[in-house]
Amino acid sequence: MSAQYKIEVKGKIVESALIAFSKYGYDKTRMDDIAETARVSKGTLYLYFRSKEELFYAISETNILRLKEQLSTLMATRKEELVSNAEKFYENFHNETGQDFEKVFFEIIAESARNPRLKRMLYEHRLRTIDIVTEYLNLQVEKDLFAKDVDTKAISAGLVSLFNGLSISKVSGMSESSNKQAWKETIRAIFKGMS
């Protein structure tokens, strides 16, 4: 087996886990369901992942990579360009991650109240997400697009919370146009305050 083949199989399993978790719910999904969705044997599945928690971790890692990719496309040289790019981020990132991820993510939050291992993974995922956004904001400070005295870590935590809150609104049935408008106006206000 080539290294490329292993990467492809692992990726297929992770995507299939996301689909199965979304379809059956995290708690009710069996490893058999994931193997069947991925069209791999149970032995192959267990060769790569020993548990649903490991699969959720892999899904989270994929999401972190997507976040980094999205932020790398938002590099700006002018303040106006930065605000415009940040306004587009909400829609672009939702399109990139898809509705299955949102449904699974919120179900995992509920499940984590009973599962300390999942709770720890969610906590670590949130910290890493905040760190990635902080790195991005720090780059903007270095380019003099934001004031030097801005607490980028606190702003990052707020932006992540805003994004997650609007994702909850979306899953709860709020109109996407309302969520996009809330994101845009809040981003404008935050970035204006950071100047």
Foldseek 3Di string as FASTA:
>chain_A
DDPVVLVVLLVLLLVLLLVQCLVQNLVPRDLVSSCVSSVHDSVSSCVNDVDSLVSVLVLLVVLLVLLLVLLVVQDDLALVSNLVSQLCSLVVSCVVSDPSVLSRVVSLVVVCVVPVSSVVSVVVSLVSQLVSQLVSVVVCVVSVLFPPPDPSSVVSNVLVVLSNVLSVVVVVPNDPVVSSVVSSVVSVVVSVVRD
